[in-house]
Amino acid sequence: MAFLIGQRPFIKLYILHILDQRQSYGLEMISEVKRYLKEEGYTPPQSEIYRGLNELVTAGIIETTHRIKKDHNGSTGDFQEIILYKYTIDGRQKAEMFKREVKLELDRCIGMLKQARKDNFK
């Protein structure tokens, strides 16, 4: 068991939070995860967010779909292929199990941090 929760499970938790609302593509996901965590002074590296996405795909929680991005007129003129991330058929159920595990770990870490603050900063 790690001392405190690692950054990857934390990042994956926010990826799933975004996917609970809508399917999303990689750059949008990076921007959203960074926005959520920046308020607390943490900016995860883009590479860690992509690693989190890849781990969720490997775990069968999310999957990718390729789409052609249309311009503002609805044309695919100079097309750009984008990869959308979305839940697999049983991905939401797997995600809930993952979230429960992370919550237990977060609760443990919060307890440790509160105890350290109480013991050392009276």
PDB file of N, CA and C in Angstrom:
ATOM      1  N   MET A   1       0.848  -1.175   0.000  1.00  0.00           N
ATOM      2  CA  MET A   1       0.000   0.000   0.000  1.00  0.00           C
ATOM      3  C   MET A   1       0.892   1.237   0.000  1.00  0.00           C
ATOM      4  N   ALA A   2       0.602   2.169  -0.840  1.00  0.00           N
ATOM      5  CA  ALA A   2       1.380   3.403  -0.946  1.00  0.00           C
ATOM      6  C   ALA A   2       1.115   4.305   0.254  1.00  0.00           C
ATOM      7  N   PHE A   3       2.044   5.221   0.472  1.00  0.00           N
ATOM      8  CA  PHE A   3       1.889   6.171   1.570  1.00  0.00           C
ATOM      9  C   PHE A   3       0.644   7.034   1.357  1.00  0.00           C
ATOM     10  N   LEU A   4       0.570   7.692   0.219  1.00  0.00           N
ATOM     11  CA  LEU A   4      -0.611   8.463  -0.172  1.00  0.00           C
ATOM     12  C   LEU A   4      -1.019   8.024  -1.575  1.00  0.00           C
ATOM     13  N   ILE A   5      -2.211   8.386  -1.968  1.00  0.00           N
ATOM     14  CA  ILE A   5      -2.722   7.987  -3.281  1.00  0.00           C
ATOM     15  C   ILE A   5      -1.814   8.535  -4.382  1.00  0.00           C
ATOM     16  N   GLY A   6      -1.578   7.735  -5.401  1.00  0.00           N
ATOM     17  CA  GLY A   6      -0.754   8.156  -6.523  1.00  0.00           C
ATOM     18  C   GLY A   6      -1.522   9.092  -7.449  1.00  0.00           C
ATOM     19  N   GLN A   7      -0.789   9.777  -8.303  1.00  0.00           N
ATOM     20  CA  GLN A   7      -1.451  10.733  -9.188  1.00  0.00           C
ATOM     21  C   GLN A   7      -2.304  10.058 -10.257  1.00  0.00           C
ATOM     22  N   ARG A   8      -1.904   8.889 -10.739  1.00  0.00           N
ATOM     23  CA  ARG A   8      -2.651   8.251 -11.824  1.00  0.00           C
ATOM     24  C   ARG A   8      -4.070   7.884 -11.425  1.00  0.00           C
ATOM     25  N   PRO A   9      -4.307   7.209 -10.276  1.00  0.00           N
ATOM     26  CA  PRO A   9      -5.697   6.928  -9.894  1.00  0.00           C
ATOM     27  C   PRO A   9      -6.508   8.215  -9.727  1.00  0.00           C
ATOM     28  N   PHE A  10      -5.848   9.243  -9.233  1.00  0.00           N
ATOM     29  CA  PHE A  10      -6.508  10.531  -9.042  1.00  0.00           C
ATOM     30  C   PHE A  10      -6.935  11.117 -10.390  1.00  0.00           C
ATOM     31  N   ILE A  11      -6.037  11.064 -11.361  1.00  0.00           N
ATOM     32  CA  ILE A  11      -6.334  11.560 -12.709  1.00  0.00           C
ATOM     33  C   ILE A  11      -7.446  10.729 -13.348  1.00  0.00           C
ATOM     34  N   LYS A  12      -7.371   9.408 -13.204  1.00  0.00           N
ATOM     35  CA  LYS A  12      -8.406   8.545 -13.793  1.00  0.00           C
ATOM     36  C   LYS A  12      -9.772   8.834 -13.179  1.00  0.00           C
ATOM     37  N   LEU A  13      -9.798   9.174 -11.913  1.00  0.00           N
ATOM     38  CA  LEU A  13     -11.053   9.535 -11.256  1.00  0.00           C
ATOM     39  C   LEU A  13     -11.693  10.735 -11.953  1.00  0.00           C
ATOM     40  N   TYR A  14     -10.882  11.738 -12.298  1.00  0.00           N
ATOM     41  CA  TYR A  14     -11.409  12.917 -12.985  1.00  0.00           C
ATOM     42  C   TYR A  14     -11.756  12.629 -14.443  1.00  0.00           C
ATOM     43  N   ILE A  15     -11.024  11.752 -15.091  1.00  0.00           N
ATOM     44  CA  ILE A  15     -11.388  11.344 -16.452  1.00  0.00           C
ATOM     45  C   ILE A  15     -12.782  10.722 -16.434  1.00  0.00           C
ATOM     46  N   LEU A  16     -13.021   9.843 -15.485  1.00  0.00           N
ATOM     47  CA  LEU A  16     -14.335   9.195 -15.386  1.00  0.00           C
ATOM     48  C   LEU A  16     -15.420  10.207 -15.042  1.00  0.00           C
ATOM     49  N   HIS A  17     -15.081  11.194 -14.222  1.00  0.00           N
ATOM     50  CA  HIS A  17     -16.041  12.253 -13.884  1.00  0.00           C
ATOM     51  C   HIS A  17     -16.488  12.988 -15.153  1.00  0.00           C
ATOM     52  N   ILE A  18     -15.544  13.271 -16.025  1.00  0.00           N
ATOM     53  CA  ILE A  18     -15.862  13.949 -17.290  1.00  0.00           C
ATOM     54  C   ILE A  18     -16.721  13.039 -18.168  1.00  0.00           C
ATOM     55  N   LEU A  19     -16.346  11.759 -18.254  1.00  0.00           N
ATOM     56  CA  LEU A  19     -17.097  10.827 -19.099  1.00  0.00           C
ATOM     57  C   LEU A  19     -18.477  10.514 -18.537  1.00  0.00           C
ATOM     58  N   ASP A  20     -18.685  10.736 -17.244  1.00  0.00           N
ATOM     59  CA  ASP A  20     -20.032  10.596 -16.679  1.00  0.00           C
ATOM     60  C   ASP A  20     -20.974  11.627 -17.290  1.00  0.00           C
ATOM     61  N   GLN A  21     -20.416  12.741 -17.750  1.00  0.00           N
ATOM     62  CA  GLN A  21     -21.220  13.826 -18.308  1.00  0.00           C
ATOM     63  C   GLN A  21     -21.390  13.713 -19.816  1.00  0.00           C
ATOM     64  N   ARG A  22     -20.327  13.259 -20.503  1.00  0.00           N
ATOM     65  CA  ARG A  22     -20.379  13.191 -21.974  1.00  0.00           C
ATOM     66  C   ARG A  22     -19.145  12.464 -22.496  1.00  0.00           C
ATOM     67  N   GLN A  23     -19.240  11.934 -23.718  1.00  0.00           N
ATOM     68  CA  GLN A  23     -18.034  11.404 -24.354  1.00  0.00           C
ATOM     69  C   GLN A  23     -17.141  12.588 -24.712  1.00  0.00           C
ATOM     70  N   SER A  24     -15.855  12.354 -24.809  1.00  0.00           N
ATOM     71  CA  SER A  24     -14.929  13.461 -24.993  1.00  0.00           C
ATOM     72  C   SER A  24     -13.714  12.995 -25.777  1.00  0.00           C
ATOM     73  N   TYR A  25     -13.007  13.929 -26.383  1.00  0.00           N
ATOM     74  CA  TYR A  25     -11.781  13.583 -27.092  1.00  0.00           C
ATOM     75  C   TYR A  25     -10.572  13.992 -26.252  1.00  0.00           C
ATOM     76  N   GLY A  26      -9.405  13.482 -26.611  1.00  0.00           N
ATOM     77  CA  GLY A  26      -8.199  13.613 -25.806  1.00  0.00           C
ATOM     78  C   GLY A  26      -7.837  15.012 -25.352  1.00  0.00           C
ATOM     79  N   LEU A  27      -7.723  15.960 -26.286  1.00  0.00           N
ATOM     80  CA  LEU A  27      -7.316  17.315 -25.907  1.00  0.00           C
ATOM     81  C   LEU A  27      -8.344  17.985 -25.009  1.00  0.00           C
ATOM     82  N   GLU A  28      -9.607  17.723 -25.267  1.00  0.00           N
ATOM     83  CA  GLU A  28     -10.665  18.263 -24.410  1.00  0.00           C
ATOM     84  C   GLU A  28     -10.535  17.672 -23.000  1.00  0.00           C
ATOM     85  N   MET A  29     -10.242  16.399 -22.931  1.00  0.00           N
ATOM     86  CA  MET A  29     -10.078  15.717 -21.650  1.00  0.00           C
ATOM     87  C   MET A  29      -8.908  16.321 -20.872  1.00  0.00           C
ATOM     88  N   ILE A  30      -7.799  16.545 -21.548  1.00  0.00           N
ATOM     89  CA  ILE A  30      -6.625  17.135 -20.904  1.00  0.00           C
ATOM     90  C   ILE A  30      -6.967  18.497 -20.329  1.00  0.00           C
ATOM     91  N   SER A  31      -7.614  19.320 -21.125  1.00  0.00           N
ATOM     92  CA  SER A  31      -7.999  20.659 -20.681  1.00  0.00           C
ATOM     93  C   SER A  31      -8.916  20.606 -19.465  1.00  0.00           C
ATOM     94  N   GLU A  32      -9.900  19.722 -19.486  1.00  0.00           N
ATOM     95  CA  GLU A  32     -10.855  19.607 -18.379  1.00  0.00           C
ATOM     96  C   GLU A  32     -10.188  19.103 -17.101  1.00  0.00           C
ATOM     97  N   VAL A  33      -9.364  18.067 -17.213  1.00  0.00           N
ATOM     98  CA  VAL A  33      -8.688  17.525 -16.027  1.00  0.00           C
ATOM     99  C   VAL A  33      -7.800  18.599 -15.418  1.00  0.00           C
ATOM    100  N   LYS A  34      -7.040  19.300 -16.251  1.00  0.00           N
ATOM    101  CA  LYS A  34      -6.165  20.366 -15.744  1.00  0.00           C
ATOM    102  C   LYS A  34      -6.978  21.466 -15.079  1.00  0.00           C
ATOM    103  N   ARG A  35      -8.121  21.808 -15.659  1.00  0.00           N
ATOM    104  CA  ARG A  35      -8.966  22.864 -15.086  1.00  0.00           C
ATOM    105  C   ARG A  35      -9.463  22.458 -13.703  1.00  0.00           C
ATOM    106  N   TYR A  36      -9.906  21.223 -13.557  1.00  0.00           N
ATOM    107  CA  TYR A  36     -10.395  20.753 -12.257  1.00  0.00           C
ATOM    108  C   TYR A  36      -9.306  20.814 -11.190  1.00  0.00           C
ATOM    109  N   LEU A  37      -8.104  20.388 -11.539  1.00  0.00           N
ATOM    110  CA  LEU A  37      -7.051  20.238 -10.543  1.00  0.00           C
ATOM    111  C   LEU A  37      -6.225  21.500 -10.321  1.00  0.00           C
ATOM    112  N   LYS A  38      -6.250  22.424 -11.285  1.00  0.00           N
ATOM    113  CA  LYS A  38      -5.456  23.652 -11.177  1.00  0.00           C
ATOM    114  C   LYS A  38      -5.885  24.501  -9.984  1.00  0.00           C
ATOM    115  N   GLU A  39      -7.170  24.479  -9.669  1.00  0.00           N
ATOM    116  CA  GLU A  39      -7.679  25.273  -8.547  1.00  0.00           C
ATOM    117  C   GLU A  39      -6.986  24.907  -7.243  1.00  0.00           C
ATOM    118  N   GLU A  40      -6.504  23.678  -7.140  1.00  0.00           N
ATOM    119  CA  GLU A  40      -5.812  23.224  -5.929  1.00  0.00           C
ATOM    120  C   GLU A  40      -4.296  23.253  -6.090  1.00  0.00           C
ATOM    121  N   GLY A  41      -3.815  23.867  -7.162  1.00  0.00           N
ATOM    122  CA  GLY A  41      -2.381  24.041  -7.343  1.00  0.00           C
ATOM    123  C   GLY A  41      -1.659  22.877  -7.994  1.00  0.00           C
ATOM    124  N   TYR A  42      -2.377  21.997  -8.657  1.00  0.00           N
ATOM    125  CA  TYR A  42      -1.745  20.852  -9.313  1.00  0.00           C
ATOM    126  C   TYR A  42      -2.097  20.846 -10.790  1.00  0.00           C
ATOM    127  N   THR A  43      -1.083  20.765 -11.631  1.00  0.00           N
ATOM    128  CA  THR A  43      -1.296  20.652 -13.067  1.00  0.00           C
ATOM    129  C   THR A  43      -0.639  19.358 -13.537  1.00  0.00           C
ATOM    130  N   PRO A  44      -1.442  18.328 -13.789  1.00  0.00           N
ATOM    131  CA  PRO A  44      -0.853  17.051 -14.208  1.00  0.00           C
ATOM    132  C   PRO A  44      -0.255  17.152 -15.608  1.00  0.00           C
ATOM    133  N   PRO A  45       0.849  16.456 -15.844  1.00  0.00           N
ATOM    134  CA  PRO A  45       1.428  16.443 -17.187  1.00  0.00           C
ATOM    135  C   PRO A  45       0.479  15.766 -18.178  1.00  0.00           C
ATOM    136  N   GLN A  46       0.490  16.264 -19.393  1.00  0.00           N
ATOM    137  CA  GLN A  46      -0.348  15.705 -20.457  1.00  0.00           C
ATOM    138  C   GLN A  46      -0.085  14.211 -20.612  1.00  0.00           C
ATOM    139  N   SER A  47       1.173  13.812 -20.495  1.00  0.00           N
ATOM    140  CA  SER A  47       1.520  12.395 -20.661  1.00  0.00           C
ATOM    141  C   SER A  47       0.838  11.523 -19.607  1.00  0.00           C
ATOM    142  N   GLU A  48       0.684  12.018 -18.385  1.00  0.00           N
ATOM    143  CA  GLU A  48       0.020  11.245 -17.330  1.00  0.00           C
ATOM    144  C   GLU A  48      -1.474  11.091 -17.608  1.00  0.00           C
ATOM    145  N   ILE A  49      -2.073  12.109 -18.195  1.00  0.00           N
ATOM    146  CA  ILE A  49      -3.498  12.028 -18.532  1.00  0.00           C
ATOM    147  C   ILE A  49      -3.701  10.979 -19.626  1.00  0.00           C
ATOM    148  N   TYR A  50      -2.830  10.994 -20.641  1.00  0.00           N
ATOM    149  CA  TYR A  50      -2.935   9.980 -21.695  1.00  0.00           C
ATOM    150  C   TYR A  50      -2.657   8.577 -21.158  1.00  0.00           C
ATOM    151  N   ARG A  51      -1.720   8.447 -20.218  1.00  0.00           N
ATOM    152  CA  ARG A  51      -1.478   7.134 -19.609  1.00  0.00           C
ATOM    153  C   ARG A  51      -2.721   6.661 -18.859  1.00  0.00           C
ATOM    154  N   GLY A  52      -3.368   7.587 -18.158  1.00  0.00           N
ATOM    155  CA  GLY A  52      -4.611   7.246 -17.462  1.00  0.00           C
ATOM    156  C   GLY A  52      -5.686   6.789 -18.431  1.00  0.00           C
ATOM    157  N   LEU A  53      -5.825   7.506 -19.541  1.00  0.00           N
ATOM    158  CA  LEU A  53      -6.794   7.111 -20.569  1.00  0.00           C
ATOM    159  C   LEU A  53      -6.473   5.714 -21.097  1.00  0.00           C
ATOM    160  N   ASN A  54      -5.200   5.474 -21.404  1.00  0.00           N
ATOM    161  CA  ASN A  54      -4.803   4.163 -21.934  1.00  0.00           C
ATOM    162  C   ASN A  54      -5.059   3.047 -20.929  1.00  0.00           C
ATOM    163  N   GLU A  55      -4.810   3.295 -19.656  1.00  0.00           N
ATOM    164  CA  GLU A  55      -5.072   2.274 -18.638  1.00  0.00           C
ATOM    165  C   GLU A  55      -6.563   1.974 -18.525  1.00  0.00           C
ATOM    166  N   LEU A  56      -7.394   3.008 -18.648  1.00  0.00           N
ATOM    167  CA  LEU A  56      -8.844   2.800 -18.595  1.00  0.00           C
ATOM    168  C   LEU A  56      -9.329   2.014 -19.812  1.00  0.00           C
ATOM    169  N   VAL A  57      -8.714   2.256 -20.978  1.00  0.00           N
ATOM    170  CA  VAL A  57      -9.050   1.483 -22.182  1.00  0.00           C
ATOM    171  C   VAL A  57      -8.624   0.029 -21.983  1.00  0.00           C
ATOM    172  N   THR A  58      -7.406  -0.183 -21.506  1.00  0.00           N
ATOM    173  CA  THR A  58      -6.893  -1.538 -21.278  1.00  0.00           C
ATOM    174  C   THR A  58      -7.752  -2.299 -20.270  1.00  0.00           C
ATOM    175  N   ALA A  59      -8.269  -1.595 -19.268  1.00  0.00           N
ATOM    176  CA  ALA A  59      -9.109  -2.223 -18.242  1.00  0.00           C
ATOM    177  C   ALA A  59     -10.521  -2.509 -18.743  1.00  0.00           C
ATOM    178  N   GLY A  60     -10.842  -2.054 -19.960  1.00  0.00           N
ATOM    179  CA  GLY A  60     -12.171  -2.302 -20.514  1.00  0.00           C
ATOM    180  C   GLY A  60     -13.248  -1.389 -19.961  1.00  0.00           C
ATOM    181  N   ILE A  61     -12.838  -0.288 -19.337  1.00  0.00           N
ATOM    182  CA  ILE A  61     -13.808   0.659 -18.777  1.00  0.00           C
ATOM    183  C   ILE A  61     -14.270   1.641 -19.844  1.00  0.00           C
ATOM    184  N   ILE A  62     -13.321   2.107 -20.659  1.00  0.00           N
ATOM    185  CA  ILE A  62     -13.664   3.025 -21.744  1.00  0.00           C
ATOM    186  C   ILE A  62     -13.127   2.462 -23.054  1.00  0.00           C
ATOM    187  N   GLU A  63     -13.619   3.026 -24.141  1.00  0.00           N
ATOM    188  CA  GLU A  63     -13.168   2.623 -25.470  1.00  0.00           C
ATOM    189  C   GLU A  63     -13.043   3.860 -26.340  1.00  0.00           C
ATOM    190  N   THR A  64     -12.413   3.685 -27.482  1.00  0.00           N
ATOM    191  CA  THR A  64     -12.230   4.801 -28.401  1.00  0.00           C
ATOM    192  C   THR A  64     -13.092   4.610 -29.642  1.00  0.00           C
ATOM    193  N   THR A  65     -13.489   5.729 -30.195  1.00  0.00           N
ATOM    194  CA  THR A  65     -14.219   5.771 -31.453  1.00  0.00           C
ATOM    195  C   THR A  65     -13.560   6.845 -32.304  1.00  0.00           C
ATOM    196  N   HIS A  66     -13.332   6.550 -33.563  1.00  0.00           N
ATOM    197  CA  HIS A  66     -12.714   7.527 -34.455  1.00  0.00           C
ATOM    198  C   HIS A  66     -13.808   8.293 -35.195  1.00  0.00           C
ATOM    199  N   ARG A  67     -13.649   9.597 -35.254  1.00  0.00           N
ATOM    200  CA  ARG A  67     -14.615  10.457 -35.942  1.00  0.00           C
ATOM    201  C   ARG A  67     -13.860  11.474 -36.795  1.00  0.00           C
ATOM    202  N   ILE A  68     -14.543  12.000 -37.772  1.00  0.00           N
ATOM    203  CA  ILE A  68     -14.011  13.095 -38.575  1.00  0.00           C
ATOM    204  C   ILE A  68     -14.587  14.387 -38.003  1.00  0.00           C
ATOM    205  N   LYS A  69     -13.709  15.296 -37.641  1.00  0.00           N
ATOM    206  CA  LYS A  69     -14.140  16.572 -37.071  1.00  0.00           C
ATOM    207  C   LYS A  69     -14.567  17.492 -38.210  1.00  0.00           C
ATOM    208  N   LYS A  70     -15.766  18.037 -38.074  1.00  0.00           N
ATOM    209  CA  LYS A  70     -16.296  18.949 -39.082  1.00  0.00           C
ATOM    210  C   LYS A  70     -15.984  20.387 -38.689  1.00  0.00           C
ATOM    211  N   ASP A  71     -15.884  21.260 -39.706  1.00  0.00           N
ATOM    212  CA  ASP A  71     -15.662  22.669 -39.393  1.00  0.00           C
ATOM    213  C   ASP A  71     -16.978  23.315 -38.967  1.00  0.00           C
ATOM    214  N   HIS A  72     -16.950  24.607 -38.682  1.00  0.00           N
ATOM    215  CA  HIS A  72     -18.140  25.291 -38.172  1.00  0.00           C
ATOM    216  C   HIS A  72     -19.295  25.333 -39.173  1.00  0.00           C
ATOM    217  N   ASN A  73     -19.034  25.075 -40.450  1.00  0.00           N
ATOM    218  CA  ASN A  73     -20.093  25.028 -41.465  1.00  0.00           C
ATOM    219  C   ASN A  73     -20.640  23.617 -41.659  1.00  0.00           C
ATOM    220  N   GLY A  74     -20.113  22.654 -40.911  1.00  0.00           N
ATOM    221  CA  GLY A  74     -20.564  21.274 -41.042  1.00  0.00           C
ATOM    222  C   GLY A  74     -19.847  20.505 -42.134  1.00  0.00           C
ATOM    223  N   SER A  75     -18.857  21.133 -42.761  1.00  0.00           N
ATOM    224  CA  SER A  75     -18.112  20.500 -43.837  1.00  0.00           C
ATOM    225  C   SER A  75     -16.933  19.706 -43.270  1.00  0.00           C
ATOM    226  N   THR A  76     -16.531  18.670 -43.987  1.00  0.00           N
ATOM    227  CA  THR A  76     -15.343  17.911 -43.599  1.00  0.00           C
ATOM    228  C   THR A  76     -14.180  18.250 -44.528  1.00  0.00           C
ATOM    229  N   GLY A  77     -14.222  19.418 -45.164  1.00  0.00           N
ATOM    230  CA  GLY A  77     -13.210  19.861 -46.123  1.00  0.00           C
ATOM    231  C   GLY A  77     -11.810  19.397 -45.799  1.00  0.00           C
ATOM    232  N   ASP A  78     -11.091  20.141 -44.986  1.00  0.00           N
ATOM    233  CA  ASP A  78      -9.773  19.716 -44.513  1.00  0.00           C
ATOM    234  C   ASP A  78     -10.017  18.889 -43.265  1.00  0.00           C
ATOM    235  N   PHE A  79     -10.325  17.613 -43.471  1.00  0.00           N
ATOM    236  CA  PHE A  79     -10.771  16.788 -42.355  1.00  0.00           C
ATOM    237  C   PHE A  79      -9.662  16.522 -41.348  1.00  0.00           C
ATOM    238  N   GLN A  80     -10.100  16.352 -40.142  1.00  0.00           N
ATOM    239  CA  GLN A  80      -9.203  15.991 -39.052  1.00  0.00           C
ATOM    240  C   GLN A  80      -9.861  14.841 -38.302  1.00  0.00           C
ATOM    241  N   GLU A  81      -9.146  13.744 -38.202  1.00  0.00           N
ATOM    242  CA  GLU A  81      -9.684  12.605 -37.465  1.00  0.00           C
ATOM    243  C   GLU A  81      -9.423  12.818 -35.981  1.00  0.00           C
ATOM    244  N   ILE A  82     -10.459  12.622 -35.179  1.00  0.00           N
ATOM    245  CA  ILE A  82     -10.302  12.732 -33.732  1.00  0.00           C
ATOM    246  C   ILE A  82     -10.703  11.405 -33.094  1.00  0.00           C
ATOM    247  N   ILE A  83     -10.176  11.174 -31.922  1.00  0.00           N
ATOM    248  CA  ILE A  83     -10.501   9.964 -31.172  1.00  0.00           C
ATOM    249  C   ILE A  83     -11.370  10.365 -29.994  1.00  0.00           C
ATOM    250  N   LEU A  84     -12.582   9.839 -29.968  1.00  0.00           N
ATOM    251  CA  LEU A  84     -13.494  10.085 -28.853  1.00  0.00           C
ATOM    252  C   LEU A  84     -13.377   8.951 -27.850  1.00  0.00           C
ATOM    253  N   TYR A  85     -13.431   9.322 -26.584  1.00  0.00           N
ATOM    254  CA  TYR A  85     -13.434   8.336 -25.502  1.00  0.00           C
ATOM    255  C   TYR A  85     -14.837   8.255 -24.936  1.00  0.00           C
ATOM    256  N   LYS A  86     -15.295   7.033 -24.683  1.00  0.00           N
ATOM    257  CA  LYS A  86     -16.620   6.828 -24.101  1.00  0.00           C
ATOM    258  C   LYS A  86     -16.601   5.520 -23.317  1.00  0.00           C
ATOM    259  N   TYR A  87     -17.623   5.328 -22.489  1.00  0.00           N
ATOM    260  CA  TYR A  87     -17.731   4.099 -21.715  1.00  0.00           C
ATOM    261  C   TYR A  87     -17.998   2.902 -22.624  1.00  0.00           C
ATOM    262  N   THR A  88     -17.461   1.736 -22.235  1.00  0.00           N
ATOM    263  CA  THR A  88     -17.816   0.481 -22.893  1.00  0.00           C
ATOM    264  C   THR A  88     -19.206   0.072 -22.386  1.00  0.00           C
ATOM    265  N   ILE A  89     -19.732  -1.008 -22.921  1.00  0.00           N
ATOM    266  CA  ILE A  89     -21.067  -1.462 -22.516  1.00  0.00           C
ATOM    267  C   ILE A  89     -21.152  -1.668 -21.009  1.00  0.00           C
ATOM    268  N   ASP A  90     -20.163  -2.339 -20.425  1.00  0.00           N
ATOM    269  CA  ASP A  90     -20.179  -2.548 -18.970  1.00  0.00           C
ATOM    270  C   ASP A  90     -19.194  -1.625 -18.241  1.00  0.00           C
ATOM    271  N   GLY A  91     -18.737  -0.593 -18.943  1.00  0.00           N
ATOM    272  CA  GLY A  91     -17.742   0.317 -18.387  1.00  0.00           C
ATOM    273  C   GLY A  91     -18.203   1.118 -17.187  1.00  0.00           C
ATOM    274  N   ARG A  92     -19.457   1.542 -17.197  1.00  0.00           N
ATOM    275  CA  ARG A  92     -19.955   2.331 -16.051  1.00  0.00           C
ATOM    276  C   ARG A  92     -19.923   1.502 -14.771  1.00  0.00           C
ATOM    277  N   GLN A  93     -20.271   0.233 -14.880  1.00  0.00           N
ATOM    278  CA  GLN A  93     -20.238  -0.651 -13.713  1.00  0.00           C
ATOM    279  C   GLN A  93     -18.795  -0.826 -13.223  1.00  0.00           C
ATOM    280  N   LYS A  94     -17.871  -1.051 -14.147  1.00  0.00           N
ATOM    281  CA  LYS A  94     -16.459  -1.173 -13.782  1.00  0.00           C
ATOM    282  C   LYS A  94     -15.940   0.138 -13.194  1.00  0.00           C
ATOM    283  N   ALA A  95     -16.392   1.260 -13.755  1.00  0.00           N
ATOM    284  CA  ALA A  95     -15.967   2.570 -13.252  1.00  0.00           C
ATOM    285  C   ALA A  95     -16.431   2.778 -11.820  1.00  0.00           C
ATOM    286  N   GLU A  96     -17.646   2.359 -11.511  1.00  0.00           N
ATOM    287  CA  GLU A  96     -18.155   2.504 -10.141  1.00  0.00           C
ATOM    288  C   GLU A  96     -17.323   1.685  -9.161  1.00  0.00           C
ATOM    289  N   MET A  97     -16.904   0.502  -9.563  1.00  0.00           N
ATOM    290  CA  MET A  97     -16.038  -0.315  -8.705  1.00  0.00           C
ATOM    291  C   MET A  97     -14.699   0.391  -8.485  1.00  0.00           C
ATOM    292  N   PHE A  98     -14.132   0.936  -9.554  1.00  0.00           N
ATOM    293  CA  PHE A  98     -12.872   1.669  -9.449  1.00  0.00           C
ATOM    294  C   PHE A  98     -13.031   2.876  -8.525  1.00  0.00           C
ATOM    295  N   LYS A  99     -14.129   3.619  -8.688  1.00  0.00           N
ATOM    296  CA  LYS A  99     -14.370   4.804  -7.854  1.00  0.00           C
ATOM    297  C   LYS A  99     -14.484   4.428  -6.379  1.00  0.00           C
ATOM    298  N   ARG A 100     -15.140   3.317  -6.082  1.00  0.00           N
ATOM    299  CA  ARG A 100     -15.247   2.875  -4.685  1.00  0.00           C
ATOM    300  C   ARG A 100     -13.871   2.579  -4.097  1.00  0.00           C
ATOM    301  N   GLU A 101     -13.022   1.932  -4.891  1.00  0.00           N
ATOM    302  CA  GLU A 101     -11.661   1.637  -4.427  1.00  0.00           C
ATOM    303  C   GLU A 101     -10.885   2.925  -4.166  1.00  0.00           C
ATOM    304  N   VAL A 102     -11.008   3.881  -5.078  1.00  0.00           N
ATOM    305  CA  VAL A 102     -10.297   5.154  -4.917  1.00  0.00           C
ATOM    306  C   VAL A 102     -10.841   5.913  -3.714  1.00  0.00           C
ATOM    307  N   LYS A 103     -12.144   5.874  -3.496  1.00  0.00           N
ATOM    308  CA  LYS A 103     -12.725   6.563  -2.338  1.00  0.00           C
ATOM    309  C   LYS A 103     -12.169   6.000  -1.036  1.00  0.00           C
ATOM    310  N   LEU A 104     -12.062   4.685  -0.940  1.00  0.00           N
ATOM    311  CA  LEU A 104     -11.472   4.074   0.254  1.00  0.00           C
ATOM    312  C   LEU A 104     -10.048   4.572   0.470  1.00  0.00           C
ATOM    313  N   GLU A 105      -9.285   4.633  -0.605  1.00  0.00           N
ATOM    314  CA  GLU A 105      -7.902   5.106  -0.515  1.00  0.00           C
ATOM    315  C   GLU A 105      -7.849   6.593  -0.146  1.00  0.00           C
ATOM    316  N   LEU A 106      -8.730   7.396  -0.738  1.00  0.00           N
ATOM    317  CA  LEU A 106      -8.781   8.822  -0.391  1.00  0.00           C
ATOM    318  C   LEU A 106      -9.148   9.019   1.072  1.00  0.00           C
ATOM    319  N   ASP A 107     -10.125   8.266   1.553  1.00  0.00           N
ATOM    320  CA  ASP A 107     -10.521   8.367   2.963  1.00  0.00           C
ATOM    321  C   ASP A 107      -9.356   8.014   3.880  1.00  0.00           C
ATOM    322  N   ARG A 108      -8.594   6.984   3.518  1.00  0.00           N
ATOM    323  CA  ARG A 108      -7.424   6.596   4.309  1.00  0.00           C
ATOM    324  C   ARG A 108      -6.392   7.722   4.325  1.00  0.00           C
ATOM    325  N   CYS A 109      -6.137   8.310   3.157  1.00  0.00           N
ATOM    326  CA  CYS A 109      -5.160   9.400   3.048  1.00  0.00           C
ATOM    327  C   CYS A 109      -5.615  10.634   3.821  1.00  0.00           C
ATOM    328  N   ILE A 110      -6.886  10.967   3.725  1.00  0.00           N
ATOM    329  CA  ILE A 110      -7.421  12.116   4.461  1.00  0.00           C
ATOM    330  C   ILE A 110      -7.236  11.902   5.955  1.00  0.00           C
ATOM    331  N   GLY A 111      -7.509  10.698   6.422  1.00  0.00           N
ATOM    332  CA  GLY A 111      -7.318  10.387   7.834  1.00  0.00           C
ATOM    333  C   GLY A 111      -5.874  10.581   8.264  1.00  0.00           C
ATOM    334  N   MET A 112      -4.940  10.103   7.446  1.00  0.00           N
ATOM    335  CA  MET A 112      -3.517  10.266   7.760  1.00  0.00           C
ATOM    336  C   MET A 112      -3.126  11.737   7.800  1.00  0.00           C
ATOM    337  N   LEU A 113      -3.599  12.510   6.826  1.00  0.00           N
ATOM    338  CA  LEU A 113      -3.257  13.934   6.766  1.00  0.00           C
ATOM    339  C   LEU A 113      -3.846  14.700   7.946  1.00  0.00           C
ATOM    340  N   LYS A 114      -5.084  14.401   8.300  1.00  0.00           N
ATOM    341  CA  LYS A 114      -5.708  15.056   9.454  1.00  0.00           C
ATOM    342  C   LYS A 114      -4.945  14.736  10.734  1.00  0.00           C
ATOM    343  N   GLN A 115      -4.549  13.478  10.882  1.00  0.00           N
ATOM    344  CA  GLN A 115      -3.809  13.079  12.079  1.00  0.00           C
ATOM    345  C   GLN A 115      -2.456  13.786  12.139  1.00  0.00           C
ATOM    346  N   ALA A 116      -1.771  13.874  11.019  1.00  0.00           N
ATOM    347  CA  ALA A 116      -0.474  14.560  10.980  1.00  0.00           C
ATOM    348  C   ALA A 116      -0.633  16.036  11.325  1.00  0.00           C
ATOM    349  N   ARG A 117      -1.684  16.667  10.811  1.00  0.00           N
ATOM    350  CA  ARG A 117      -1.931  18.083  11.122  1.00  0.00           C
ATOM    351  C   ARG A 117      -2.238  18.248  12.603  1.00  0.00           C
ATOM    352  N   LYS A 118      -3.063  17.373  13.148  1.00  0.00           N
ATOM    353  CA  LYS A 118      -3.432  17.442  14.567  1.00  0.00           C
ATOM    354  C   LYS A 118      -2.212  17.232  15.466  1.00  0.00           C
ATOM    355  N   ASP A 119      -1.399  16.231  15.142  1.00  0.00           N
ATOM    356  CA  ASP A 119      -0.248  15.895  15.975  1.00  0.00           C
ATOM    357  C   ASP A 119       0.873  16.928  15.908  1.00  0.00           C
ATOM    358  N   ASN A 120       1.008  17.596  14.782  1.00  0.00           N
ATOM    359  CA  ASN A 120       2.176  18.449  14.579  1.00  0.00           C
ATOM    360  C   ASN A 120       1.903  19.942  14.526  1.00  0.00           C
ATOM    361  N   PHE A 121       0.659  20.347  14.437  1.00  0.00           N
ATOM    362  CA  PHE A 121       0.335  21.773  14.317  1.00  0.00           C
ATOM    363  C   PHE A 121      -0.794  22.126  15.264  1.00  0.00           C
ATOM    364  N   LYS A 122      -0.482  22.149  16.544  1.00  0.00           N
ATOM    365  CA  LYS A 122      -1.498  22.394  17.572  1.00  0.00           C
ATOM    366  C   LYS A 122      -1.781  23.853  17.751  1.00  0.00           C
TER     367      LYS A 122
END
